[in-house]
Amino acid sequence: MTLLIDVGNSAIKWSLLDHDGHLVSPQRLLHRGAPDIASMLIKRWRGNVAPGTPMLACNVAGPRLTEIVEAVALALNLGTVSWLQSQARFNGPIVLNNGYRDPRQLGADRWHCMLGAGASAQFPLVVVNAGTATTVDCIDAVAEATPNVGEFIGGFIAPGMRLMLESLARETACLPAATGAATGFPDHTNAAIVSGVLASQVGMIHHVWHRFAIRLGTAPRLILTGGNAEELLSRLSIESAGIEHNLVLRGLALRAQFDLSDNPSR
């Protein structure tokens, strides 16, 4: 068994990976604003993760969370945590080339999310990770071949829905911290804010997907993941759109199974 860990900006997600390459009971813990993350992780992992279990992780939430995860691993006598970064190229059951100018600059969550998507569907793909930030990434198909070969050509990053709502409440004098449902033609301020935020997210996804479809000359499949995926999917008018859960963990699983020889950086 290997413990896979996805440290995001709002939550830590993890799963054991069995010897057949399957995720075993993925879990999540909200860490944003939590007073004692280490104690919460120890409570969740003790008895469920065996001592000496190797650990593969990616982190976009900063060094404090790295230190917490490593302290918990030490307290529970787990294995060493290997912190994985983005690569220039992944070679495995799928192949993915990183088209970023500096591949190391690409967020580890985006890279592993795209790997996880490629393990679930054939390229070309548009991959949306709708969490604290919303990312929309485009992967072209290099050739119709086995394995699935893709080229990440670029993507978009925007604040997620919660960040948009919070920034309006914080940076304006008269707008409230809006909650509630989006409507077609909002007739009160709360609905106007929620509807505007949701429309901006949906509009960005449609914009990127249509640009990519024009480039391809065909309609790519769109995969959503993350906490806001279901709400966004319900508003999209893209027939190929669907949801796949735990894509970052699935990407980490690919690295664990097929790519340990690259000496992942810490």
C-alpha atoms as a PDB file:
ATOM      1  CA  MET A   1       0.000   0.000   0.000  1.00  0.00           C
ATOM      2  CA  THR A   2       0.990   3.610  -0.662  1.00  0.00           C
ATOM      3  CA  LEU A   3      -0.648   6.679   0.886  1.00  0.00           C
ATOM      4  CA  LEU A   4      -1.448   9.366  -1.709  1.00  0.00           C
ATOM      5  CA  ILE A   5      -2.003  12.917  -0.431  1.00  0.00           C
ATOM      6  CA  ASP A   6      -3.395  15.951  -2.263  1.00  0.00           C
ATOM      7  CA  VAL A   7      -2.872  19.115  -0.197  1.00  0.00           C
ATOM      8  CA  GLY A   8      -5.128  21.756  -1.701  1.00  0.00           C
ATOM      9  CA  ASN A   9      -5.788  25.329  -0.671  1.00  0.00           C
ATOM     10  CA  SER A  10      -8.868  24.435   1.378  1.00  0.00           C
ATOM     11  CA  ALA A  11      -8.726  20.686   1.978  1.00  0.00           C
ATOM     12  CA  ILE A  12      -6.359  17.750   2.321  1.00  0.00           C
ATOM     13  CA  LYS A  13      -7.478  14.687   0.363  1.00  0.00           C
ATOM     14  CA  TRP A  14      -5.911  11.273   0.655  1.00  0.00           C
ATOM     15  CA  SER A  15      -6.320   7.657  -0.298  1.00  0.00           C
ATOM     16  CA  LEU A  16      -4.465   4.412   0.060  1.00  0.00           C
ATOM     17  CA  LEU A  17      -3.391   2.887  -3.241  1.00  0.00           C
ATOM     18  CA  ASP A  18      -3.606  -0.899  -3.322  1.00  0.00           C
ATOM     19  CA  HIS A  19      -1.309  -3.254  -5.209  1.00  0.00           C
ATOM     20  CA  ASP A  20      -3.756  -3.423  -8.132  1.00  0.00           C
ATOM     21  CA  GLY A  21      -3.633   0.348  -8.631  1.00  0.00           C
ATOM     22  CA  HIS A  22      -7.039   1.128  -7.096  1.00  0.00           C
ATOM     23  CA  LEU A  23      -7.810   3.996  -4.740  1.00  0.00           C
ATOM     24  CA  VAL A  24      -9.059   2.677  -1.412  1.00  0.00           C
ATOM     25  CA  SER A  25     -11.727   4.818   0.265  1.00  0.00           C
ATOM     26  CA  PRO A  26     -10.611   8.375  -0.597  1.00  0.00           C
ATOM     27  CA  GLN A  27     -11.089  10.847   2.270  1.00  0.00           C
ATOM     28  CA  ARG A  28     -10.909  14.611   2.752  1.00  0.00           C
ATOM     29  CA  LEU A  29     -10.346  17.048   5.596  1.00  0.00           C
ATOM     30  CA  LEU A  30     -11.037  20.770   5.416  1.00  0.00           C
ATOM     31  CA  HIS A  31      -7.987  22.564   6.786  1.00  0.00           C
ATOM     32  CA  ARG A  32      -8.877  26.162   5.982  1.00  0.00           C
ATOM     33  CA  GLY A  33      -9.402  27.848   9.330  1.00  0.00           C
ATOM     34  CA  ALA A  34      -8.958  24.607  11.285  1.00  0.00           C
ATOM     35  CA  PRO A  35      -7.182  25.206  14.632  1.00  0.00           C
ATOM     36  CA  ASP A  36      -5.227  21.934  14.911  1.00  0.00           C
ATOM     37  CA  ILE A  37      -4.828  20.180  11.582  1.00  0.00           C
ATOM     38  CA  ALA A  38      -2.115  17.842  12.849  1.00  0.00           C
ATOM     39  CA  SER A  39      -4.317  16.381  15.603  1.00  0.00           C
ATOM     40  CA  MET A  40      -7.174  15.942  13.155  1.00  0.00           C
ATOM     41  CA  LEU A  41      -4.961  14.080  10.679  1.00  0.00           C
ATOM     42  CA  ILE A  42      -3.488  11.880  13.402  1.00  0.00           C
ATOM     43  CA  LYS A  43      -6.994  10.934  14.498  1.00  0.00           C
ATOM     44  CA  ARG A  44      -8.018  10.078  10.916  1.00  0.00           C
ATOM     45  CA  TRP A  45      -4.841   8.185   9.943  1.00  0.00           C
ATOM     46  CA  ARG A  46      -4.050   6.289  13.150  1.00  0.00           C
ATOM     47  CA  GLY A  47      -5.199   2.702  12.737  1.00  0.00           C
ATOM     48  CA  ASN A  48      -5.978   3.207   9.054  1.00  0.00           C
ATOM     49  CA  VAL A  49      -2.472   3.752   7.693  1.00  0.00           C
ATOM     50  CA  ALA A  50       0.101   1.169   8.698  1.00  0.00           C
ATOM     51  CA  PRO A  51       3.511   2.208  10.073  1.00  0.00           C
ATOM     52  CA  GLY A  52       6.125   2.380   7.348  1.00  0.00           C
ATOM     53  CA  THR A  53       3.601   3.099   4.585  1.00  0.00           C
ATOM     54  CA  PRO A  54       5.317   5.077   1.788  1.00  0.00           C
ATOM     55  CA  MET A  55       3.694   8.416   0.995  1.00  0.00           C
ATOM     56  CA  LEU A  56       3.425  10.392  -2.259  1.00  0.00           C
ATOM     57  CA  ALA A  57       2.025  13.894  -2.086  1.00  0.00           C
ATOM     58  CA  CYS A  58       1.588  17.187  -3.871  1.00  0.00           C
ATOM     59  CA  ASN A  59       0.997  20.499  -2.145  1.00  0.00           C
ATOM     60  CA  VAL A  60      -0.177  23.901  -3.394  1.00  0.00           C
ATOM     61  CA  ALA A  61      -1.069  25.245   0.065  1.00  0.00           C
ATOM     62  CA  GLY A  62       2.383  26.340   1.189  1.00  0.00           C
ATOM     63  CA  PRO A  63       5.230  25.185   3.451  1.00  0.00           C
ATOM     64  CA  ARG A  64       3.175  25.174   6.652  1.00  0.00           C
ATOM     65  CA  LEU A  65       1.059  22.295   5.352  1.00  0.00           C
ATOM     66  CA  THR A  66       4.195  20.459   4.206  1.00  0.00           C
ATOM     67  CA  GLU A  67       5.552  20.696   7.744  1.00  0.00           C
ATOM     68  CA  ILE A  68       2.263  19.518   9.260  1.00  0.00           C
ATOM     69  CA  VAL A  69       1.993  16.453   7.010  1.00  0.00           C
ATOM     70  CA  GLU A  70       5.606  15.502   7.656  1.00  0.00           C
ATOM     71  CA  ALA A  71       5.143  15.937  11.418  1.00  0.00           C
ATOM     72  CA  VAL A  72       2.080  13.693  11.348  1.00  0.00           C
ATOM     73  CA  ALA A  73       3.971  11.075   9.328  1.00  0.00           C
ATOM     74  CA  LEU A  74       6.760  11.143  11.916  1.00  0.00           C
ATOM     75  CA  ALA A  75       4.328  10.937  14.836  1.00  0.00           C
ATOM     76  CA  LEU A  76       2.640   7.859  13.346  1.00  0.00           C
ATOM     77  CA  ASN A  77       5.925   6.261  12.242  1.00  0.00           C
ATOM     78  CA  LEU A  78       4.863   6.316   8.605  1.00  0.00           C
ATOM     79  CA  GLY A  79       7.242   6.277   5.665  1.00  0.00           C
ATOM     80  CA  THR A  80       9.009   9.245   4.106  1.00  0.00           C
ATOM     81  CA  VAL A  81       6.816  11.767   2.286  1.00  0.00           C
ATOM     82  CA  SER A  82       7.889  12.276  -1.340  1.00  0.00           C
ATOM     83  CA  TRP A  83       6.608  15.632  -2.585  1.00  0.00           C
ATOM     84  CA  LEU A  84       5.936  15.414  -6.317  1.00  0.00           C
ATOM     85  CA  GLN A  85       6.181  18.345  -8.714  1.00  0.00           C
ATOM     86  CA  SER A  86       5.162  18.887 -12.311  1.00  0.00           C
ATOM     87  CA  GLN A  87       7.219  17.233 -15.034  1.00  0.00           C
ATOM     88  CA  ALA A  88       8.237  18.075 -18.572  1.00  0.00           C
ATOM     89  CA  ARG A  89       6.820  14.710 -19.680  1.00  0.00           C
ATOM     90  CA  PHE A  90       5.078  11.733 -18.148  1.00  0.00           C
ATOM     91  CA  ASN A  91       5.612   8.329 -19.719  1.00  0.00           C
ATOM     92  CA  GLY A  92       3.347   5.536 -18.588  1.00  0.00           C
ATOM     93  CA  PRO A  93       0.092   3.952 -19.705  1.00  0.00           C
ATOM     94  CA  ILE A  94      -0.610   7.450 -20.993  1.00  0.00           C
ATOM     95  CA  VAL A  95       1.933   9.983 -22.240  1.00  0.00           C
ATOM     96  CA  LEU A  96       1.543  13.672 -21.417  1.00  0.00           C
ATOM     97  CA  ASN A  97       3.875  16.448 -22.576  1.00  0.00           C
ATOM     98  CA  ASN A  98       3.940  19.668 -20.574  1.00  0.00           C
ATOM     99  CA  GLY A  99       3.708  22.650 -22.917  1.00  0.00           C
ATOM    100  CA  TYR A 100       4.352  25.295 -20.247  1.00  0.00           C
ATOM    101  CA  ARG A 101       7.306  27.609 -21.025  1.00  0.00           C
ATOM    102  CA  ASP A 102       8.818  26.453 -17.746  1.00  0.00           C
ATOM    103  CA  PRO A 103       7.256  23.078 -16.870  1.00  0.00           C
ATOM    104  CA  ARG A 104       8.374  23.470 -13.252  1.00  0.00           C
ATOM    105  CA  GLN A 105       6.144  26.529 -12.888  1.00  0.00           C
ATOM    106  CA  LEU A 106       2.962  24.554 -13.515  1.00  0.00           C
ATOM    107  CA  GLY A 107       1.101  23.817 -10.287  1.00  0.00           C
ATOM    108  CA  ALA A 108       1.511  20.229  -9.127  1.00  0.00           C
ATOM    109  CA  ASP A 109      -2.249  19.956  -8.623  1.00  0.00           C
ATOM    110  CA  ARG A 110      -2.969  20.963 -12.221  1.00  0.00           C
ATOM    111  CA  TRP A 111      -0.401  18.502 -13.590  1.00  0.00           C
ATOM    112  CA  HIS A 112      -1.651  15.556 -11.577  1.00  0.00           C
ATOM    113  CA  CYS A 113      -5.263  16.494 -12.291  1.00  0.00           C
ATOM    114  CA  MET A 114      -4.511  16.294 -16.022  1.00  0.00           C
ATOM    115  CA  LEU A 115      -2.754  12.950 -15.558  1.00  0.00           C
ATOM    116  CA  GLY A 116      -5.780  11.645 -13.709  1.00  0.00           C
ATOM    117  CA  ALA A 117      -8.074  12.878 -16.468  1.00  0.00           C
ATOM    118  CA  GLY A 118      -5.925  11.213 -19.122  1.00  0.00           C
ATOM    119  CA  ALA A 119      -6.235   7.942 -17.240  1.00  0.00           C
ATOM    120  CA  SER A 120     -10.026   8.295 -17.461  1.00  0.00           C
ATOM    121  CA  ALA A 121     -10.597   9.494 -21.037  1.00  0.00           C
ATOM    122  CA  GLN A 122      -8.951   9.805 -24.432  1.00  0.00           C
ATOM    123  CA  PHE A 123      -7.268  13.058 -25.425  1.00  0.00           C
ATOM    124  CA  PRO A 124      -8.102  15.777 -26.507  1.00  0.00           C
ATOM    125  CA  LEU A 125      -9.611  17.025 -23.255  1.00  0.00           C
ATOM    126  CA  VAL A 126     -10.577  20.170 -21.409  1.00  0.00           C
ATOM    127  CA  VAL A 127     -10.021  19.616 -17.680  1.00  0.00           C
ATOM    128  CA  VAL A 128     -11.743  21.868 -15.131  1.00  0.00           C
ATOM    129  CA  ASN A 129     -10.724  21.758 -11.471  1.00  0.00           C
ATOM    130  CA  ALA A 130     -13.336  23.822  -9.635  1.00  0.00           C
ATOM    131  CA  GLY A 131     -12.125  24.434  -6.104  1.00  0.00           C
ATOM    132  CA  THR A 132     -10.616  27.382  -4.246  1.00  0.00           C
ATOM    133  CA  ALA A 133      -9.332  28.437  -7.652  1.00  0.00           C
ATOM    134  CA  THR A 134     -10.943  27.360 -10.904  1.00  0.00           C
ATOM    135  CA  THR A 135      -8.525  26.100 -13.531  1.00  0.00           C
ATOM    136  CA  VAL A 136      -9.415  25.222 -17.116  1.00  0.00           C
ATOM    137  CA  ASP A 137      -6.678  23.301 -18.936  1.00  0.00           C
ATOM    138  CA  CYS A 138      -6.528  22.119 -22.552  1.00  0.00           C
ATOM    139  CA  ILE A 139      -4.798  18.920 -23.658  1.00  0.00           C
ATOM    140  CA  ASP A 140      -4.431  18.232 -27.374  1.00  0.00           C
ATOM    141  CA  ALA A 141      -4.041  14.731 -28.800  1.00  0.00           C
ATOM    142  CA  VAL A 142      -0.603  14.240 -30.323  1.00  0.00           C
ATOM    143  CA  ALA A 143      -1.722  11.242 -32.348  1.00  0.00           C
ATOM    144  CA  GLU A 144      -4.379   8.571 -32.352  1.00  0.00           C
ATOM    145  CA  ALA A 145      -2.214   5.967 -30.731  1.00  0.00           C
ATOM    146  CA  THR A 146      -1.810   3.603 -27.835  1.00  0.00           C
ATOM    147  CA  PRO A 147      -0.923   4.734 -25.257  1.00  0.00           C
ATOM    148  CA  ASN A 148      -3.074   7.835 -25.023  1.00  0.00           C
ATOM    149  CA  VAL A 149      -0.639  10.639 -26.014  1.00  0.00           C
ATOM    150  CA  GLY A 150      -1.428  14.245 -25.130  1.00  0.00           C
ATOM    151  CA  GLU A 151       0.118  17.706 -25.184  1.00  0.00           C
ATOM    152  CA  PHE A 152      -0.868  20.240 -22.548  1.00  0.00           C
ATOM    153  CA  ILE A 153      -1.058  23.464 -24.561  1.00  0.00           C
ATOM    154  CA  GLY A 154      -2.137  25.911 -21.857  1.00  0.00           C
ATOM    155  CA  GLY A 155      -4.891  26.869 -19.485  1.00  0.00           C
ATOM    156  CA  PHE A 156      -6.700  29.517 -17.480  1.00  0.00           C
ATOM    157  CA  ILE A 157      -6.750  30.280 -13.738  1.00  0.00           C
ATOM    158  CA  ALA A 158      -9.430  32.314 -11.973  1.00  0.00           C
ATOM    159  CA  PRO A 159     -10.644  32.693  -8.401  1.00  0.00           C
ATOM    160  CA  GLY A 160     -13.107  29.986  -7.464  1.00  0.00           C
ATOM    161  CA  MET A 161     -16.690  30.756  -6.552  1.00  0.00           C
ATOM    162  CA  ARG A 162     -16.055  31.135  -2.820  1.00  0.00           C
ATOM    163  CA  LEU A 163     -13.104  33.473  -3.377  1.00  0.00           C
ATOM    164  CA  MET A 164     -15.179  35.638  -5.717  1.00  0.00           C
ATOM    165  CA  LEU A 165     -17.997  35.886  -3.186  1.00  0.00           C
ATOM    166  CA  GLU A 166     -15.611  36.643  -0.324  1.00  0.00           C
ATOM    167  CA  SER A 167     -13.699  39.302  -2.258  1.00  0.00           C
ATOM    168  CA  LEU A 168     -16.895  41.189  -3.133  1.00  0.00           C
ATOM    169  CA  ALA A 169     -17.985  41.170   0.497  1.00  0.00           C
ATOM    170  CA  ARG A 170     -14.531  42.224   1.738  1.00  0.00           C
ATOM    171  CA  GLU A 171     -13.571  44.842  -0.839  1.00  0.00           C
ATOM    172  CA  THR A 172     -16.863  46.683  -1.268  1.00  0.00           C
ATOM    173  CA  ALA A 173     -18.697  48.897   1.202  1.00  0.00           C
ATOM    174  CA  CYS A 174     -22.283  47.938   0.490  1.00  0.00           C
ATOM    175  CA  LEU A 175     -22.349  44.402  -0.878  1.00  0.00           C
ATOM    176  CA  PRO A 176     -23.147  41.572   1.541  1.00  0.00           C
ATOM    177  CA  ALA A 177     -21.554  38.164   1.980  1.00  0.00           C
ATOM    178  CA  ALA A 178     -23.989  36.610  -0.452  1.00  0.00           C
ATOM    179  CA  THR A 179     -25.506  33.167  -0.151  1.00  0.00           C
ATOM    180  CA  GLY A 180     -28.384  31.390  -1.829  1.00  0.00           C
ATOM    181  CA  ALA A 181     -29.246  30.163  -5.280  1.00  0.00           C
ATOM    182  CA  ALA A 182     -28.500  31.672  -8.678  1.00  0.00           C
ATOM    183  CA  THR A 183     -31.511  32.753 -10.722  1.00  0.00           C
ATOM    184  CA  GLY A 184     -32.131  33.653 -14.343  1.00  0.00           C
ATOM    185  CA  PHE A 185     -32.975  37.308 -13.698  1.00  0.00           C
ATOM    186  CA  PRO A 186     -31.989  38.213 -10.137  1.00  0.00           C
ATOM    187  CA  ASP A 187     -34.311  40.667  -8.387  1.00  0.00           C
ATOM    188  CA  HIS A 188     -32.377  41.117  -5.130  1.00  0.00           C
ATOM    189  CA  THR A 189     -28.723  41.726  -4.321  1.00  0.00           C
ATOM    190  CA  ASN A 190     -27.869  38.321  -2.861  1.00  0.00           C
ATOM    191  CA  ALA A 191     -29.155  36.540  -5.958  1.00  0.00           C
ATOM    192  CA  ALA A 192     -27.462  39.095  -8.226  1.00  0.00           C
ATOM    193  CA  ILE A 193     -24.072  38.379  -6.655  1.00  0.00           C
ATOM    194  CA  VAL A 194     -24.416  34.587  -6.594  1.00  0.00           C
ATOM    195  CA  SER A 195     -25.768  34.561 -10.146  1.00  0.00           C
ATOM    196  CA  GLY A 196     -22.987  36.841 -11.391  1.00  0.00           C
ATOM    197  CA  VAL A 197     -20.254  34.721  -9.814  1.00  0.00           C
ATOM    198  CA  LEU A 198     -21.689  31.499 -11.205  1.00  0.00           C
ATOM    199  CA  ALA A 199     -22.150  33.039 -14.658  1.00  0.00           C
ATOM    200  CA  SER A 200     -18.534  34.222 -14.687  1.00  0.00           C
ATOM    201  CA  GLN A 201     -17.309  30.698 -13.962  1.00  0.00           C
ATOM    202  CA  VAL A 202     -19.572  29.106 -16.547  1.00  0.00           C
ATOM    203  CA  GLY A 203     -18.679  31.785 -19.084  1.00  0.00           C
ATOM    204  CA  MET A 204     -14.952  31.169 -18.684  1.00  0.00           C
ATOM    205  CA  ILE A 205     -15.405  27.428 -19.180  1.00  0.00           C
ATOM    206  CA  HIS A 206     -17.546  27.952 -22.284  1.00  0.00           C
ATOM    207  CA  HIS A 207     -15.032  30.471 -23.645  1.00  0.00           C
ATOM    208  CA  VAL A 208     -12.043  28.139 -23.272  1.00  0.00           C
ATOM    209  CA  TRP A 209     -13.913  25.076 -24.530  1.00  0.00           C
ATOM    210  CA  HIS A 210     -15.160  26.875 -27.669  1.00  0.00           C
ATOM    211  CA  ARG A 211     -11.704  28.289 -28.463  1.00  0.00           C
ATOM    212  CA  PHE A 212     -10.209  24.832 -28.144  1.00  0.00           C
ATOM    213  CA  ALA A 213     -12.982  23.264 -30.251  1.00  0.00           C
ATOM    214  CA  ILE A 214     -12.275  25.776 -33.028  1.00  0.00           C
ATOM    215  CA  ARG A 215      -8.567  24.968 -32.867  1.00  0.00           C
ATOM    216  CA  LEU A 216      -9.261  21.236 -33.025  1.00  0.00           C
ATOM    217  CA  GLY A 217     -12.045  21.340 -35.578  1.00  0.00           C
ATOM    218  CA  THR A 218     -14.006  18.977 -33.348  1.00  0.00           C
ATOM    219  CA  ALA A 219     -15.698  19.006 -29.950  1.00  0.00           C
ATOM    220  CA  PRO A 220     -13.364  17.888 -27.138  1.00  0.00           C
ATOM    221  CA  ARG A 221     -14.624  16.109 -24.079  1.00  0.00           C
ATOM    222  CA  LEU A 222     -14.809  18.277 -20.944  1.00  0.00           C
ATOM    223  CA  ILE A 223     -14.109  16.778 -17.510  1.00  0.00           C
ATOM    224  CA  LEU A 224     -14.883  18.599 -14.277  1.00  0.00           C
ATOM    225  CA  THR A 225     -13.632  17.820 -10.793  1.00  0.00           C
ATOM    226  CA  GLY A 226     -13.509  19.659  -7.472  1.00  0.00           C
ATOM    227  CA  GLY A 227     -16.033  20.896  -4.955  1.00  0.00           C
ATOM    228  CA  ASN A 228     -18.003  23.124  -7.346  1.00  0.00           C
ATOM    229  CA  ALA A 229     -18.067  20.653 -10.235  1.00  0.00           C
ATOM    230  CA  GLU A 230     -21.702  19.595  -9.885  1.00  0.00           C
ATOM    231  CA  GLU A 231     -23.057  23.139  -9.681  1.00  0.00           C
ATOM    232  CA  LEU A 232     -21.038  24.195 -12.733  1.00  0.00           C
ATOM    233  CA  LEU A 233     -22.024  21.115 -14.727  1.00  0.00           C
ATOM    234  CA  SER A 234     -25.704  21.876 -14.176  1.00  0.00           C
ATOM    235  CA  ARG A 235     -25.212  25.253 -15.915  1.00  0.00           C
ATOM    236  CA  LEU A 236     -23.039  24.161 -18.833  1.00  0.00           C
ATOM    237  CA  SER A 237     -24.403  23.632 -22.334  1.00  0.00           C
ATOM    238  CA  ILE A 238     -21.599  21.294 -23.439  1.00  0.00           C
ATOM    239  CA  GLU A 239     -22.892  17.829 -24.273  1.00  0.00           C
ATOM    240  CA  SER A 240     -19.558  16.108 -23.661  1.00  0.00           C
ATOM    241  CA  ALA A 241     -19.189  17.502 -20.131  1.00  0.00           C
ATOM    242  CA  GLY A 242     -19.038  15.127 -17.180  1.00  0.00           C
ATOM    243  CA  ILE A 243     -17.628  14.761 -13.678  1.00  0.00           C
ATOM    244  CA  GLU A 244     -14.723  12.601 -12.533  1.00  0.00           C
ATOM    245  CA  HIS A 245     -13.816  12.657  -8.859  1.00  0.00           C
ATOM    246  CA  ASN A 246     -10.378  12.552  -7.206  1.00  0.00           C
ATOM    247  CA  LEU A 247      -8.405  13.339 -10.362  1.00  0.00           C
ATOM    248  CA  VAL A 248      -5.347  14.645  -8.511  1.00  0.00           C
ATOM    249  CA  LEU A 249      -5.203  11.440  -6.466  1.00  0.00           C
ATOM    250  CA  ARG A 250      -5.578   9.418  -9.675  1.00  0.00           C
ATOM    251  CA  GLY A 251      -2.684  11.330 -11.178  1.00  0.00           C
ATOM    252  CA  LEU A 252      -0.579  10.650  -8.107  1.00  0.00           C
ATOM    253  CA  ALA A 253      -1.513   6.985  -8.464  1.00  0.00           C
ATOM    254  CA  LEU A 254      -0.063   6.961 -11.981  1.00  0.00           C
ATOM    255  CA  ARG A 255       3.185   8.446 -10.698  1.00  0.00           C
ATOM    256  CA  ALA A 256       3.299   5.871  -7.892  1.00  0.00           C
ATOM    257  CA  GLN A 257       2.837   2.959 -10.272  1.00  0.00           C
ATOM    258  CA  PHE A 258       4.834   3.988 -13.324  1.00  0.00           C
ATOM    259  CA  ASP A 259       7.129   6.909 -12.581  1.00  0.00           C
ATOM    260  CA  LEU A 260       9.084   6.408  -9.376  1.00  0.00           C
ATOM    261  CA  SER A 261      12.385   6.337 -11.242  1.00  0.00           C
ATOM    262  CA  ASP A 262      12.433  10.117 -11.771  1.00  0.00           C
ATOM    263  CA  ASN A 263      13.507  10.832  -8.171  1.00  0.00           C
ATOM    264  CA  PRO A 264      10.628  13.194  -7.296  1.00  0.00           C
ATOM    265  CA  SER A 265      11.785  16.426  -5.750  1.00  0.00           C
ATOM    266  CA  ARG A 266      10.855  17.415  -2.234  1.00  0.00           C
END
